[in-house]
Protein backbone atom coordinates (compact mmCIF):
# COMPACT_ATOMS: atom_id res chain seq x y z
CA MET A 1 0.10 0.22 -0.09
CA SER A 2 1.22 3.25 -1.00
CA SER A 3 1.99 6.46 1.39
CA GLY A 4 -1.08 8.12 -0.21
CA GLU A 5 -3.93 5.46 -0.10
CA HIS A 6 -6.23 4.96 2.50
CA ARG A 7 -6.44 8.74 4.57
CA SER A 8 -7.55 8.71 7.67
CA PRO A 9 -10.26 11.48 9.11
CA ILE A 10 -7.38 13.15 10.28
CA GLY A 11 -5.18 13.21 7.18
CA SER A 12 -2.15 11.35 6.26
CA LEU A 13 1.64 12.03 4.94
CA GLU A 14 2.92 12.15 1.73
CA ARG A 15 6.94 12.03 0.89
CA ALA A 16 9.05 15.18 1.23
CA GLY A 17 11.67 13.89 -1.23
CA GLY A 18 14.20 13.29 1.24
CA VAL A 19 17.34 10.66 1.08
CA PHE A 20 16.20 9.50 4.36
CA GLU A 21 12.60 9.25 4.74
CA ASP A 22 11.10 6.28 2.81
CA ASP A 23 7.78 4.80 1.40
CA ALA A 24 8.71 2.56 4.62
CA LEU A 25 8.62 5.43 7.19
CA ILE A 26 5.17 7.24 5.71
CA ASP A 27 3.23 4.15 5.72
CA GLN A 28 4.17 3.24 9.21
CA VAL A 29 3.11 6.43 10.05
CA ASN A 30 0.00 6.63 8.25
CA ARG A 31 -0.91 2.91 9.79
CA ALA A 32 -0.58 4.63 13.05
CA LEU A 33 -2.86 7.47 12.35
CA ARG A 34 -5.71 5.15 10.97
CA SER A 35 -5.08 2.76 13.66
CA MET A 36 -5.55 5.75 16.48
CA TRP A 37 -8.38 7.20 14.78
CA SER A 38 -10.22 3.74 15.03
CA ARG A 39 -8.78 2.81 18.23
CA LEU A 40 -10.52 6.04 19.30
CA GLU A 41 -13.83 5.56 17.30
CA SER A 42 -14.24 1.94 19.00
CA LEU A 43 -13.74 3.35 22.46
CA SER A 44 -16.80 2.98 24.60
CA ARG A 45 -18.55 6.03 24.89
CA SER A 46 -19.02 5.42 28.51
CA ASP A 47 -15.24 5.31 28.79
CA GLU A 48 -14.26 8.14 31.64
CA PHE A 49 -12.33 9.52 27.97
CA TRP A 50 -15.23 10.54 26.95
CA SER A 51 -16.53 12.92 29.81
CA GLY A 52 -17.35 16.47 29.22
CA THR A 53 -16.88 16.06 25.04
CA ASN A 54 -19.48 15.42 22.26
CA HIS A 55 -18.30 11.91 21.57
CA HIS A 56 -17.14 12.93 18.37
CA ALA A 57 -13.14 11.60 17.53
CA THR A 58 -10.96 14.78 16.71
CA ARG A 59 -7.68 14.89 15.62
CA TYR A 60 -7.14 16.57 19.05
CA LYS A 61 -9.07 13.87 20.94
CA VAL A 62 -6.66 11.28 18.72
CA GLU A 63 -3.42 12.87 20.22
CA ASP A 64 -5.08 13.21 23.89
CA PHE A 65 -6.10 9.96 23.42
CA ALA A 66 -2.57 8.40 21.95
CA GLY A 67 -0.68 10.35 24.71
CA ARG A 68 -2.63 8.47 27.39
CA CYS A 69 -2.07 4.91 25.61
CA VAL A 70 1.83 6.06 25.86
CA SER A 71 1.91 7.12 29.42
CA ARG A 72 -0.31 4.08 30.45
CA ASN A 73 1.91 1.16 28.02
CA PRO A 74 5.15 2.76 27.24
CA SER A 75 5.82 -0.04 24.49
CA ASP A 76 2.37 0.95 22.52
CA GLU A 77 4.32 1.68 19.27
CA THR A 78 0.77 2.33 17.46
CA ALA A 79 0.05 5.02 19.83
CA ARG A 80 3.97 6.13 19.93
CA TRP A 81 3.94 6.87 16.13
CA ALA A 82 0.39 8.24 15.99
CA LEU A 83 2.25 10.97 18.15
CA VAL A 84 5.08 11.06 16.06
CA GLY A 85 2.82 11.34 12.45
CA LEU A 86 0.50 14.02 14.15
CA SER A 87 3.88 16.44 15.39
CA MET A 88 5.03 16.15 11.53
CA GLN A 89 1.84 17.24 10.46
CA ALA A 90 1.86 20.04 12.87
CA GLY A 91 5.51 20.67 11.06
CA SER A 92 7.10 20.48 14.63
CA PHE A 93 9.89 18.42 15.72
CA SER A 94 8.48 17.61 19.27
CA GLY A 95 8.04 13.94 18.20
CA LEU A 96 11.48 13.37 17.83
CA HIS A 97 11.72 13.10 22.02
CA LEU A 98 9.81 9.99 21.41
CA LEU A 99 11.73 7.73 19.27
CA ALA A 100 14.66 8.93 21.21
CA GLU A 101 13.53 7.02 24.06
CA GLU A 102 14.82 3.78 21.91
CA ALA A 103 18.25 5.07 20.83
CA PRO A 104 19.67 3.02 23.60
CA THR A 105 18.04 0.04 22.88
CA ARG A 106 17.15 0.07 19.28
CA ASP A 107 19.62 0.51 16.51
CA GLY A 108 17.20 1.34 14.16
CA ALA A 109 15.90 4.51 15.59
CA VAL A 110 18.88 6.57 15.00
CA PHE A 111 17.56 5.97 11.37
CA ASP A 112 13.71 7.23 12.63
CA LEU A 113 15.48 10.41 14.35
CA ILE A 114 17.13 11.44 11.37
CA ALA A 115 14.59 10.58 8.63
CA VAL A 116 11.57 11.97 10.76
CA ALA A 117 13.82 15.02 11.18
CA GLU A 118 14.62 15.13 7.69
CA TRP A 119 10.95 14.93 6.53
CA VAL A 120 10.16 17.99 9.22
CA TRP A 121 12.75 19.70 8.14
CA LEU A 122 11.79 19.83 3.92
CA GLU A 123 8.62 20.37 4.63
CA VAL A 124 9.19 23.90 7.06
CA GLY A 125 12.65 24.75 5.70
CA LEU A 126 13.77 25.24 9.45
CA ASP A 127 16.60 22.95 11.24
CA PRO A 128 16.00 20.31 13.74
CA GLY A 129 18.64 21.82 16.23
CA ALA A 130 18.30 21.00 20.12
CA ASP A 131 15.25 18.80 19.23
CA LEU A 132 17.45 16.54 17.08
CA GLU A 133 20.45 17.15 19.54
CA ARG A 134 18.55 16.07 22.46
CA ALA A 135 17.06 13.25 20.81
CA LEU A 136 20.57 11.56 19.07
CA LEU A 137 22.48 12.51 22.88
CA ARG A 138 20.27 9.78 24.02
CA ALA A 139 22.16 6.95 21.98
CA ASP A 140 25.55 5.86 23.10
CA PRO A 141 28.07 7.33 20.86
CA ALA A 142 30.23 4.60 20.70
CA VAL A 143 27.30 2.31 19.27
CA LEU A 144 26.90 5.45 16.80
CA LYS A 145 30.62 5.32 16.02
CA ARG A 146 30.03 0.95 15.01
CA LEU A 147 27.23 1.42 13.09
CA ALA A 148 28.69 4.49 11.16
CA GLU A 149 31.23 1.82 9.87
CA PRO A 150 31.26 0.25 6.54
CA PRO A 151 29.11 -1.18 5.27
CA GLY A 152 26.72 0.37 7.41
CA GLY A 153 23.70 0.25 4.98
CA ARG A 154 20.73 3.39 5.58
CA VAL A 155 21.02 3.00 9.55
CA GLY A 156 24.66 3.21 9.15
CA ARG A 157 24.46 6.15 7.04
CA ALA A 158 21.72 7.34 9.34
CA ALA A 159 24.32 7.05 12.39
CA ALA A 160 27.33 9.28 10.30
CA ALA A 161 25.17 11.86 9.70
CA ALA A 162 23.65 11.77 13.82
CA LEU A 163 27.90 12.23 14.30
CA ALA A 164 28.09 14.37 11.93
CA PHE A 165 25.61 16.64 13.17
CA LEU A 166 26.15 16.27 17.05
CA GLY A 167 30.00 17.14 15.61
CA GLY A 168 28.16 21.07 15.19
CA TRP A 169 27.65 20.39 11.46
CA SER A 170 23.92 21.78 10.10
CA PHE A 171 22.00 19.47 9.78
CA ALA A 172 21.82 20.21 5.66
CA GLU A 173 25.66 19.04 5.99
CA ALA A 174 25.48 16.08 8.11
CA ILE A 175 22.74 14.43 5.55
CA GLY A 176 25.05 15.34 2.61
CA ARG A 177 22.31 18.04 1.40
CA ARG A 178 24.21 21.02 2.06
CA ARG A 179 24.79 21.73 -1.96
CA TRP A 180 21.40 20.41 -2.86
CA GLU A 181 20.22 22.65 0.03
CA MET A 182 21.32 25.66 -1.89
CA PHE A 183 20.64 24.96 -5.41
CA VAL A 184 16.85 24.11 -3.92
CA HIS A 185 16.94 28.10 -2.98
CA ALA A 186 18.87 29.26 -5.93
CA LEU A 187 16.03 27.61 -8.13
CA VAL A 188 13.77 30.22 -6.84
CA VAL A 189 14.89 33.41 -5.51
CA SER A 190 14.62 36.73 -6.88
CA GLY A 191 17.55 38.47 -9.33
CA ARG A 192 17.61 41.68 -10.50
CA SER A 193 16.42 39.80 -13.91
CA SER A 194 13.30 38.64 -11.86
CA SER A 195 9.90 39.68 -13.31
CA ASP A 196 8.31 40.30 -9.59
CA LEU A 197 11.05 43.10 -8.53
CA ALA A 198 8.05 45.62 -7.78
CA VAL A 199 6.74 43.21 -4.82
CA VAL A 200 10.20 41.97 -3.94
CA SER A 201 12.23 44.29 -1.65
CA GLU A 202 15.63 45.12 -2.14
CA ALA A 203 17.40 43.26 1.21
CA LEU A 204 15.80 39.86 -0.78
CA ILE A 205 17.18 40.92 -3.87
CA VAL A 206 20.43 41.11 -2.44
CA ALA A 207 20.31 37.69 -0.72
CA GLY A 208 19.04 36.43 -3.92
CA GLU A 209 21.66 37.67 -6.03
CA HIS A 210 24.46 36.13 -3.55
CA THR A 211 22.67 33.21 -3.37
CA LEU A 212 22.45 33.18 -7.53
CA ALA A 213 26.35 33.89 -7.35
CA ALA A 214 27.15 31.05 -5.45
CA ALA A 215 25.45 28.53 -7.20
CA ARG A 216 27.03 29.93 -10.29
CA GLU A 217 30.42 29.74 -8.62
CA TRP A 218 30.28 25.85 -7.18
CA LEU A 219 28.84 24.89 -10.28
CA ALA A 220 31.44 26.66 -12.70
CA ASN A 221 34.33 25.10 -10.25
CA ASP A 222 32.95 21.56 -10.07
CA ALA A 223 30.83 20.33 -13.11
CA SER A 224 29.92 17.08 -10.99
CA ALA A 225 27.46 19.51 -8.89
CA VAL A 226 25.24 19.55 -11.55
CA VAL A 227 23.79 16.22 -10.30
CA ASP A 228 22.49 17.96 -7.27
CA LEU A 229 21.34 21.07 -9.57
CA VAL A 230 18.95 18.59 -11.21
CA ASP A 231 17.85 16.96 -8.46
CA ALA A 232 17.18 20.04 -6.56
CA ALA A 233 14.93 20.88 -10.38
CA HIS A 234 13.05 17.07 -9.67
CA TRP A 235 12.24 18.16 -6.21
CA TRP A 236 10.33 21.38 -7.41
CA SER A 237 8.89 19.52 -10.25
CA VAL A 238 7.74 16.34 -8.15
CA TYR A 239 6.88 17.59 -4.48
CA ARG A 240 6.08 21.47 -5.26
CA ASP A 241 4.55 21.38 -8.69
CA ALA A 242 6.79 24.11 -9.65
CA ASP A 243 8.64 24.66 -12.91
CA VAL A 244 11.96 26.04 -12.53
CA THR A 245 13.10 25.13 -15.95
CA ASP A 246 14.08 28.25 -17.07
CA ARG A 247 16.34 29.32 -13.78
CA LEU A 248 17.89 25.96 -14.16
CA ARG A 249 18.74 26.48 -17.51
CA GLU A 250 20.28 30.00 -16.37
CA LEU A 251 22.53 28.36 -13.71
CA LEU A 252 23.48 25.64 -16.42
CA GLU A 253 25.28 28.09 -18.34
CA ALA A 254 28.23 28.65 -15.73
CA VAL A 255 29.24 25.06 -16.76
CA SER A 256 31.12 24.09 -19.81
CA ARG A 257 29.22 21.82 -21.88
CA ARG A 258 32.84 20.17 -22.75
CA ASP A 259 32.72 19.38 -18.84
CA LEU A 260 29.41 17.94 -19.10
CA GLU A 261 30.07 15.88 -21.97
CA GLN A 262 33.37 14.52 -20.29
CA LEU A 263 31.85 13.50 -17.12
CA VAL A 264 28.72 11.48 -18.82
CA GLY A 265 31.21 9.47 -21.24
CA ASP A 266 29.92 5.88 -21.10
CA ARG A 267 28.16 6.12 -17.80
CA GLU A 268 24.90 4.32 -17.60
CA ASP A 269 24.58 5.23 -13.71
CA ARG A 270 21.92 7.78 -11.95
CA ALA A 271 24.19 10.85 -11.86
CA ALA A 272 25.00 10.01 -15.88
CA SER A 273 21.07 10.61 -16.50
CA SER A 274 20.98 14.31 -14.14
CA LEU A 275 23.94 15.13 -16.73
CA ARG A 276 22.68 14.26 -19.72
CA THR A 277 19.12 15.93 -18.81
CA ALA A 278 21.26 19.17 -18.22
CA LEU A 279 22.46 18.82 -21.46
CA LEU A 280 19.02 18.50 -22.85
CA ILE A 281 17.88 21.36 -20.86
CA LEU A 282 21.12 23.31 -22.51
CA ASP A 283 19.45 22.58 -25.92
CA GLY A 284 15.80 24.41 -25.05
CA HIS A 285 14.14 20.87 -23.69
CA GLY A 286 12.24 20.89 -20.83
CA LEU A 287 12.14 18.95 -17.26
CA THR A 288 10.46 16.07 -17.93
CA SER A 289 10.74 12.73 -15.55
CA ARG A 290 13.37 12.13 -12.86
CA PRO A 291 16.69 10.57 -13.47
CA ASP A 292 16.01 7.68 -11.08
CA THR A 293 12.15 6.94 -13.00
């Protein structure tokens, strides 16, 4: 079952386009939300929970009910994940502390922490900061180091990101998306050539020009950065329904076509697909399917 099917009355989550958050995570959250709604609906109206209410299930009551369930039984995974899902819906990192309780005993908890933090980060644009730091500090540093040793799989990658974050890196840097994040902003910021200058403040224009200059410099110095740029453009297309082809083409002009062609060579991997997409964009084509589809 995909993450978009069988929505609960309190809504469901969809993928946000991350490198850690995946279909399995989103499906787990949505199952928990549906299950908690059903559990509340099935709760006898004579139960004290309904005292002083209109006996109708609501999002607020599901959250209250799930909180009580976790308080009574800390091992109630459905209630725990429902609370995590509700916090994600609200664009909050507050659900991380619920997952942190398992960090000392379950290796996979570090993946859940990074993945949930990434989902919220992508949705609201805020660094998880102290919320994630407090949660990750519940894990044994020695265990994180062991998990981060290759080949670590998805938990190993999450452990490496956790160590980098605890070491002072920004969240985007820790999960390997610093360059990608910069390109995401560069693809939509307003510059001097924007058509909407009348409604854009000078401060925003200056900031936008700085971002565009940094993006062009990165591309000019490292043609392989085009892979992140194209991926960022696909993110806008798939997850925000926005066409950024014109700005993508403008930024790609900072890269030598010869360098792009040399990077492609005879490769057939995902990076090569992104590079071929860049060449098509420069030839006047539009942005179509993602490189990995």
